[in-house]
């Protein structure tokens, strides 16, 4: 993840809007539902690319959905 975030920082330093958007899409790929550790990935992205930087460049970072842990002994209706 960090190399992709670093690419975004480099694009921001160059003020290359198209490159910023492209690298940000690659960073956001870590938040797709099929990826493991989505909440941890969100926290890392939020840490390394703070809200003020994201806001300046119009980079959205939607919170991942909260999934309830299954209750022991629960059954799925079926």
PDB file of N, CA and C in Angstrom:
ATOM      1  N   UNK A   1       0.810  -1.190   0.000  1.00  0.00           N
ATOM      2  CA  UNK A   1       0.000   0.000   0.000  1.00  0.00           C
ATOM      3  C   UNK A   1       0.857   1.260   0.000  1.00  0.00           C
ATOM      4  N   UNK A   2       1.904   1.253   0.811  1.00  0.00           N
ATOM      5  CA  UNK A   2       2.725   2.465   0.952  1.00  0.00           C
ATOM      6  C   UNK A   2       3.312   2.938  -0.374  1.00  0.00           C
ATOM      7  N   UNK A   3       3.782   2.044  -1.259  1.00  0.00           N
ATOM      8  CA  UNK A   3       4.288   2.539  -2.547  1.00  0.00           C
ATOM      9  C   UNK A   3       3.225   3.295  -3.353  1.00  0.00           C
ATOM     10  N   UNK A   4       1.982   2.827  -3.288  1.00  0.00           N
ATOM     11  CA  UNK A   4       0.912   3.531  -4.014  1.00  0.00           C
ATOM     12  C   UNK A   4       0.628   4.893  -3.378  1.00  0.00           C
ATOM     13  N   UNK A   5       0.667   4.943  -2.060  1.00  0.00           N
ATOM     14  CA  UNK A   5       0.471   6.223  -1.378  1.00  0.00           C
ATOM     15  C   UNK A   5       1.621   7.166  -1.708  1.00  0.00           C
ATOM     16  N   UNK A   6       2.834   6.638  -1.747  1.00  0.00           N
ATOM     17  CA  UNK A   6       3.992   7.464  -2.112  1.00  0.00           C
ATOM     18  C   UNK A   6       3.848   8.025  -3.527  1.00  0.00           C
ATOM     19  N   UNK A   7       3.305   7.226  -4.439  1.00  0.00           N
ATOM     20  CA  UNK A   7       3.074   7.713  -5.806  1.00  0.00           C
ATOM     21  C   UNK A   7       2.088   8.883  -5.796  1.00  0.00           C
ATOM     22  N   UNK A   8       1.075   8.786  -4.949  1.00  0.00           N
ATOM     23  CA  UNK A   8       0.108   9.881  -4.845  1.00  0.00           C
ATOM     24  C   UNK A   8       0.782  11.130  -4.294  1.00  0.00           C
ATOM     25  N   UNK A   9       1.627  10.978  -3.275  1.00  0.00           N
ATOM     26  CA  UNK A   9       2.354  12.135  -2.731  1.00  0.00           C
ATOM     27  C   UNK A   9       3.266  12.761  -3.790  1.00  0.00           C
ATOM     28  N   UNK A  10       3.912  11.935  -4.591  1.00  0.00           N
ATOM     29  CA  UNK A  10       4.774  12.457  -5.655  1.00  0.00           C
ATOM     30  C   UNK A  10       3.949  13.218  -6.692  1.00  0.00           C
ATOM     31  N   UNK A  11       2.783  12.697  -7.038  1.00  0.00           N
ATOM     32  CA  UNK A  11       1.907  13.381  -7.992  1.00  0.00           C
ATOM     33  C   UNK A  11       1.429  14.715  -7.427  1.00  0.00           C
ATOM     34  N   UNK A  12       1.128  14.728  -6.130  1.00  0.00           N
ATOM     35  CA  UNK A  12       0.709  15.968  -5.478  1.00  0.00           C
ATOM     36  C   UNK A  12       1.860  16.979  -5.492  1.00  0.00           C
ATOM     37  N   UNK A  13       3.070  16.533  -5.216  1.00  0.00           N
ATOM     38  CA  UNK A  13       4.228  17.432  -5.235  1.00  0.00           C
ATOM     39  C   UNK A  13       4.416  18.044  -6.622  1.00  0.00           C
ATOM     40  N   UNK A  14       4.103  17.273  -7.654  1.00  0.00           N
ATOM     41  CA  UNK A  14       4.216  17.772  -9.032  1.00  0.00           C
ATOM     42  C   UNK A  14       2.991  18.568  -9.463  1.00  0.00           C
ATOM     43  N   UNK A  15       1.951  18.533  -8.632  1.00  0.00           N
ATOM     44  CA  UNK A  15       0.680  19.199  -8.915  1.00  0.00           C
ATOM     45  C   UNK A  15       0.090  18.749 -10.247  1.00  0.00           C
ATOM     46  N   UNK A  16       0.235  17.464 -10.526  1.00  0.00           N
ATOM     47  CA  UNK A  16      -0.279  16.861 -11.760  1.00  0.00           C
ATOM     48  C   UNK A  16      -1.646  16.240 -11.457  1.00  0.00           C
ATOM     49  N   UNK A  17      -2.695  16.991 -11.750  1.00  0.00           N
ATOM     50  CA  UNK A  17      -4.046  16.585 -11.359  1.00  0.00           C
ATOM     51  C   UNK A  17      -4.427  15.235 -11.945  1.00  0.00           C
ATOM     52  N   UNK A  18      -4.135  14.991 -13.211  1.00  0.00           N
ATOM     53  CA  UNK A  18      -4.483  13.700 -13.815  1.00  0.00           C
ATOM     54  C   UNK A  18      -3.734  12.551 -13.150  1.00  0.00           C
ATOM     55  N   UNK A  19      -2.471  12.755 -12.849  1.00  0.00           N
ATOM     56  CA  UNK A  19      -1.686  11.723 -12.187  1.00  0.00           C
ATOM     57  C   UNK A  19      -2.173  11.514 -10.747  1.00  0.00           C
ATOM     58  N   UNK A  20      -2.538  12.591 -10.077  1.00  0.00           N
ATOM     59  CA  UNK A  20      -3.074  12.482  -8.716  1.00  0.00           C
ATOM     60  C   UNK A  20      -4.313  11.599  -8.722  1.00  0.00           C
ATOM     61  N   UNK A  21      -5.226  11.867  -9.640  1.00  0.00           N
ATOM     62  CA  UNK A  21      -6.464  11.075  -9.712  1.00  0.00           C
ATOM     63  C   UNK A  21      -6.166   9.615 -10.036  1.00  0.00           C
ATOM     64  N   UNK A  22      -5.235   9.391 -10.934  1.00  0.00           N
ATOM     65  CA  UNK A  22      -4.877   8.027 -11.327  1.00  0.00           C
ATOM     66  C   UNK A  22      -4.264   7.258 -10.156  1.00  0.00           C
ATOM     67  N   UNK A  23      -3.326   7.880  -9.464  1.00  0.00           N
ATOM     68  CA  UNK A  23      -2.681   7.193  -8.344  1.00  0.00           C
ATOM     69  C   UNK A  23      -3.670   6.999  -7.197  1.00  0.00           C
ATOM     70  N   UNK A  24      -4.583   7.959  -7.022  1.00  0.00           N
ATOM     71  CA  UNK A  24      -5.567   7.834  -5.955  1.00  0.00           C
ATOM     72  C   UNK A  24      -6.513   6.665  -6.214  1.00  0.00           C
ATOM     73  N   UNK A  25      -6.887   6.450  -7.473  1.00  0.00           N
ATOM     74  CA  UNK A  25      -7.722   5.282  -7.799  1.00  0.00           C
ATOM     75  C   UNK A  25      -7.013   3.992  -7.402  1.00  0.00           C
ATOM     76  N   UNK A  26      -5.702   3.939  -7.611  1.00  0.00           N
ATOM     77  CA  UNK A  26      -4.945   2.739  -7.230  1.00  0.00           C
ATOM     78  C   UNK A  26      -4.879   2.580  -5.713  1.00  0.00           C
ATOM     79  N   UNK A  27      -4.791   3.691  -4.990  1.00  0.00           N
ATOM     80  CA  UNK A  27      -4.819   3.623  -3.525  1.00  0.00           C
ATOM     81  C   UNK A  27      -6.193   3.134  -3.065  1.00  0.00           C
ATOM     82  N   UNK A  28      -7.250   3.697  -3.645  1.00  0.00           N
ATOM     83  CA  UNK A  28      -8.614   3.330  -3.251  1.00  0.00           C
ATOM     84  C   UNK A  28      -8.939   1.875  -3.561  1.00  0.00           C
ATOM     85  N   UNK A  29      -8.193   1.250  -4.438  1.00  0.00           N
ATOM     86  CA  UNK A  29      -8.432  -0.160  -4.769  1.00  0.00           C
ATOM     87  C   UNK A  29      -8.282  -1.056  -3.538  1.00  0.00           C
ATOM     88  N   UNK A  30      -7.540  -0.593  -2.546  1.00  0.00           N
ATOM     89  CA  UNK A  30      -7.386  -1.366  -1.309  1.00  0.00           C
ATOM     90  C   UNK A  30      -8.685  -1.412  -0.499  1.00  0.00           C
ATOM     91  N   UNK A  31      -9.663  -0.599  -0.881  1.00  0.00           N
ATOM     92  CA  UNK A  31     -10.914  -0.537  -0.134  1.00  0.00           C
ATOM     93  C   UNK A  31     -12.050  -1.292  -0.820  1.00  0.00           C
ATOM     94  N   UNK A  32     -11.753  -2.028  -1.864  1.00  0.00           N
ATOM     95  CA  UNK A  32     -12.805  -2.799  -2.522  1.00  0.00           C
ATOM     96  C   UNK A  32     -13.219  -3.959  -1.618  1.00  0.00           C
ATOM     97  N   UNK A  33     -14.485  -4.339  -1.675  1.00  0.00           N
ATOM     98  CA  UNK A  33     -14.993  -5.370  -0.756  1.00  0.00           C
ATOM     99  C   UNK A  33     -14.226  -6.692  -0.788  1.00  0.00           C
ATOM    100  N   UNK A  34     -13.611  -7.046  -1.891  1.00  0.00           N
ATOM    101  CA  UNK A  34     -12.905  -8.329  -1.970  1.00  0.00           C
ATOM    102  C   UNK A  34     -11.546  -8.303  -1.276  1.00  0.00           C
ATOM    103  N   UNK A  35     -11.082  -7.131  -0.891  1.00  0.00           N
ATOM    104  CA  UNK A  35      -9.770  -7.014  -0.265  1.00  0.00           C
ATOM    105  C   UNK A  35      -9.854  -7.309   1.236  1.00  0.00           C
ATOM    106  N   UNK A  36      -8.831  -7.959   1.782  1.00  0.00           N
ATOM    107  CA  UNK A  36      -8.814  -8.197   3.226  1.00  0.00           C
ATOM    108  C   UNK A  36      -8.416  -6.920   3.980  1.00  0.00           C
ATOM    109  N   UNK A  37      -8.792  -6.853   5.210  1.00  0.00           N
ATOM    110  CA  UNK A  37      -8.370  -5.769   6.115  1.00  0.00           C
ATOM    111  C   UNK A  37      -8.781  -4.381   5.614  1.00  0.00           C
ATOM    112  N   UNK A  38     -10.010  -4.264   5.143  1.00  0.00           N
ATOM    113  CA  UNK A  38     -10.468  -2.992   4.580  1.00  0.00           C
ATOM    114  C   UNK A  38     -10.416  -1.874   5.625  1.00  0.00           C
ATOM    115  N   UNK A  39     -10.870  -2.137   6.836  1.00  0.00           N
ATOM    116  CA  UNK A  39     -10.886  -1.088   7.867  1.00  0.00           C
ATOM    117  C   UNK A  39      -9.463  -0.642   8.207  1.00  0.00           C
ATOM    118  N   UNK A  40      -8.542  -1.588   8.293  1.00  0.00           N
ATOM    119  CA  UNK A  40      -7.148  -1.244   8.565  1.00  0.00           C
ATOM    120  C   UNK A  40      -6.566  -0.440   7.401  1.00  0.00           C
ATOM    121  N   UNK A  41      -6.892  -0.830   6.185  1.00  0.00           N
ATOM    122  CA  UNK A  41      -6.428  -0.089   5.002  1.00  0.00           C
ATOM    123  C   UNK A  41      -6.960   1.334   5.032  1.00  0.00           C
ATOM    124  N   UNK A  42      -8.248   1.484   5.385  1.00  0.00           N
ATOM    125  CA  UNK A  42      -8.838   2.817   5.482  1.00  0.00           C
ATOM    126  C   UNK A  42      -8.055   3.675   6.474  1.00  0.00           C
ATOM    127  N   UNK A  43      -7.778   3.115   7.649  1.00  0.00           N
ATOM    128  CA  UNK A  43      -7.048   3.870   8.674  1.00  0.00           C
ATOM    129  C   UNK A  43      -5.651   4.263   8.206  1.00  0.00           C
ATOM    130  N   UNK A  44      -4.979   3.364   7.505  1.00  0.00           N
ATOM    131  CA  UNK A  44      -3.631   3.669   7.003  1.00  0.00           C
ATOM    132  C   UNK A  44      -3.684   4.777   5.955  1.00  0.00           C
ATOM    133  N   UNK A  45      -4.641   4.685   5.046  1.00  0.00           N
ATOM    134  CA  UNK A  45      -4.772   5.720   4.011  1.00  0.00           C
ATOM    135  C   UNK A  45      -5.089   7.064   4.663  1.00  0.00           C
ATOM    136  N   UNK A  46      -6.020   7.051   5.614  1.00  0.00           N
ATOM    137  CA  UNK A  46      -6.399   8.281   6.310  1.00  0.00           C
ATOM    138  C   UNK A  46      -5.198   8.890   7.040  1.00  0.00           C
ATOM    139  N   UNK A  47      -4.339   8.039   7.585  1.00  0.00           N
ATOM    140  CA  UNK A  47      -3.145   8.515   8.294  1.00  0.00           C
ATOM    141  C   UNK A  47      -2.121   9.123   7.325  1.00  0.00           C
ATOM    142  N   UNK A  48      -1.837   8.409   6.252  1.00  0.00           N
ATOM    143  CA  UNK A  48      -0.773   8.844   5.340  1.00  0.00           C
ATOM    144  C   UNK A  48      -1.202   9.935   4.368  1.00  0.00           C
ATOM    145  N   UNK A  49      -2.506  10.046   4.129  1.00  0.00           N
ATOM    146  CA  UNK A  49      -3.030  11.123   3.277  1.00  0.00           C
ATOM    147  C   UNK A  49      -4.152  11.790   4.077  1.00  0.00           C
ATOM    148  N   UNK A  50      -3.786  12.728   4.948  1.00  0.00           N
ATOM    149  CA  UNK A  50      -4.750  13.334   5.868  1.00  0.00           C
ATOM    150  C   UNK A  50      -5.884  14.075   5.143  1.00  0.00           C
ATOM    151  N   UNK A  51      -6.959  14.282   5.881  1.00  0.00           N
ATOM    152  CA  UNK A  51      -8.167  14.906   5.327  1.00  0.00           C
ATOM    153  C   UNK A  51      -7.881  16.259   4.679  1.00  0.00           C
ATOM    154  N   UNK A  52      -7.001  17.068   5.260  1.00  0.00           N
ATOM    155  CA  UNK A  52      -6.738  18.389   4.666  1.00  0.00           C
ATOM    156  C   UNK A  52      -6.086  18.256   3.296  1.00  0.00           C
ATOM    157  N   UNK A  53      -5.210  17.282   3.130  1.00  0.00           N
ATOM    158  CA  UNK A  53      -4.567  17.051   1.819  1.00  0.00           C
ATOM    159  C   UNK A  53      -5.606  16.516   0.838  1.00  0.00           C
ATOM    160  N   UNK A  54      -6.396  15.553   1.283  1.00  0.00           N
ATOM    161  CA  UNK A  54      -7.427  15.001   0.407  1.00  0.00           C
ATOM    162  C   UNK A  54      -8.405  16.078  -0.027  1.00  0.00           C
ATOM    163  N   UNK A  55      -8.797  16.927   0.914  1.00  0.00           N
ATOM    164  CA  UNK A  55      -9.741  17.997   0.601  1.00  0.00           C
ATOM    165  C   UNK A  55      -9.192  18.982  -0.408  1.00  0.00           C
ATOM    166  N   UNK A  56      -7.917  19.309  -0.272  1.00  0.00           N
ATOM    167  CA  UNK A  56      -7.275  20.251  -1.186  1.00  0.00           C
ATOM    168  C   UNK A  56      -7.308  19.751  -2.624  1.00  0.00           C
ATOM    169  N   UNK A  57      -7.241  18.436  -2.801  1.00  0.00           N
ATOM    170  CA  UNK A  57      -7.161  17.852  -4.144  1.00  0.00           C
ATOM    171  C   UNK A  57      -8.438  17.126  -4.551  1.00  0.00           C
ATOM    172  N   UNK A  58      -9.470  17.202  -3.733  1.00  0.00           N
ATOM    173  CA  UNK A  58     -10.746  16.586  -4.075  1.00  0.00           C
ATOM    174  C   UNK A  58     -10.700  15.070  -4.098  1.00  0.00           C
ATOM    175  N   UNK A  59      -9.922  14.493  -3.185  1.00  0.00           N
ATOM    176  CA  UNK A  59      -9.786  13.045  -3.119  1.00  0.00           C
ATOM    177  C   UNK A  59     -10.740  12.505  -2.054  1.00  0.00           C
ATOM    178  N   UNK A  60     -11.701  11.715  -2.488  1.00  0.00           N
ATOM    179  CA  UNK A  60     -12.661  11.192  -1.524  1.00  0.00           C
ATOM    180  C   UNK A  60     -12.138   9.911  -0.890  1.00  0.00           C
ATOM    181  N   UNK A  61     -12.575   9.699   0.333  1.00  0.00           N
ATOM    182  CA  UNK A  61     -12.199   8.493   1.066  1.00  0.00           C
ATOM    183  C   UNK A  61     -13.415   8.058   1.878  1.00  0.00           C
ATOM    184  N   UNK A  62     -14.334   7.349   1.217  1.00  0.00           N
ATOM    185  CA  UNK A  62     -15.531   6.914   1.945  1.00  0.00           C
ATOM    186  C   UNK A  62     -15.198   5.851   2.973  1.00  0.00           C
ATOM    187  N   UNK A  63     -15.863   5.935   4.104  1.00  0.00           N
ATOM    188  CA  UNK A  63     -15.663   4.936   5.158  1.00  0.00           C
ATOM    189  C   UNK A  63     -16.167   3.589   4.673  1.00  0.00           C
ATOM    190  N   UNK A  64     -15.441   2.537   4.998  1.00  0.00           N
ATOM    191  CA  UNK A  64     -15.925   1.201   4.623  1.00  0.00           C
ATOM    192  C   UNK A  64     -17.168   0.848   5.430  1.00  0.00           C
ATOM    193  N   UNK A  65     -18.023  -0.011   4.872  1.00  0.00           N
ATOM    194  CA  UNK A  65     -19.223  -0.390   5.618  1.00  0.00           C
ATOM    195  C   UNK A  65     -18.855  -1.168   6.881  1.00  0.00           C
ATOM    196  N   UNK A  66     -19.650  -0.984   7.900  1.00  0.00           N
ATOM    197  CA  UNK A  66     -19.441  -1.705   9.158  1.00  0.00           C
ATOM    198  C   UNK A  66     -20.205  -3.020   9.061  1.00  0.00           C
ATOM    199  N   UNK A  67     -19.509  -4.096   9.310  1.00  0.00           N
ATOM    200  CA  UNK A  67     -20.139  -5.409   9.272  1.00  0.00           C
ATOM    201  C   UNK A  67     -20.185  -5.944  10.693  1.00  0.00           C
ATOM    202  N   UNK A  68     -21.352  -6.362  11.102  1.00  0.00           N
ATOM    203  CA  UNK A  68     -21.496  -6.913  12.453  1.00  0.00           C
ATOM    204  C   UNK A  68     -20.890  -8.312  12.471  1.00  0.00           C
ATOM    205  N   UNK A  69     -20.235  -8.614  13.543  1.00  0.00           N
ATOM    206  CA  UNK A  69     -19.677  -9.964  13.718  1.00  0.00           C
ATOM    207  C   UNK A  69     -20.834 -10.914  13.978  1.00  0.00           C
ATOM    208  N   UNK A  70     -20.742 -12.125  13.457  1.00  0.00           N
ATOM    209  CA  UNK A  70     -21.822 -13.085  13.717  1.00  0.00           C
ATOM    210  C   UNK A  70     -21.917 -13.400  15.202  1.00  0.00           C
ATOM    211  N   UNK A  71     -23.122 -13.531  15.666  1.00  0.00           N
ATOM    212  CA  UNK A  71     -23.360 -13.886  17.057  1.00  0.00           C
ATOM    213  C   UNK A  71     -23.213 -15.391  17.215  1.00  0.00           C
ATOM    214  N   UNK A  72     -22.444 -15.826  18.194  1.00  0.00           N
ATOM    215  CA  UNK A  72     -22.292 -17.277  18.384  1.00  0.00           C
ATOM    216  C   UNK A  72     -23.651 -17.939  18.558  1.00  0.00           C
ATOM    217  N   UNK A  73     -23.856 -19.039  17.831  1.00  0.00           N
ATOM    218  CA  UNK A  73     -25.088 -19.788  17.937  1.00  0.00           C
ATOM    219  C   UNK A  73     -26.220 -19.262  17.081  1.00  0.00           C
ATOM    220  N   UNK A  74     -25.981 -18.145  16.358  1.00  0.00           N
ATOM    221  CA  UNK A  74     -27.046 -17.614  15.514  1.00  0.00           C
ATOM    222  C   UNK A  74     -27.169 -18.456  14.250  1.00  0.00           C
ATOM    223  N   UNK A  75     -28.331 -18.429  13.680  1.00  0.00           N
ATOM    224  CA  UNK A  75     -28.558 -19.163  12.434  1.00  0.00           C
ATOM    225  C   UNK A  75     -28.989 -18.193  11.364  1.00  0.00           C
ATOM    226  N   UNK A  76     -28.727 -18.567  10.149  1.00  0.00           N
ATOM    227  CA  UNK A  76     -29.130 -17.749   9.015  1.00  0.00           C
ATOM    228  C   UNK A  76     -30.513 -18.217   8.576  1.00  0.00           C
ATOM    229  N   UNK A  77     -31.466 -17.272   8.443  1.00  0.00           N
ATOM    230  CA  UNK A  77     -32.803 -17.673   7.987  1.00  0.00           C
ATOM    231  C   UNK A  77     -32.698 -18.307   6.602  1.00  0.00           C
ATOM    232  N   UNK A  78     -33.498 -19.306   6.383  1.00  0.00           N
ATOM    233  CA  UNK A  78     -33.273 -19.900   5.139  1.00  0.00           C
ATOM    234  C   UNK A  78     -34.256 -20.572   4.416  1.00  0.00           C
TER     235      UNK A  78
END
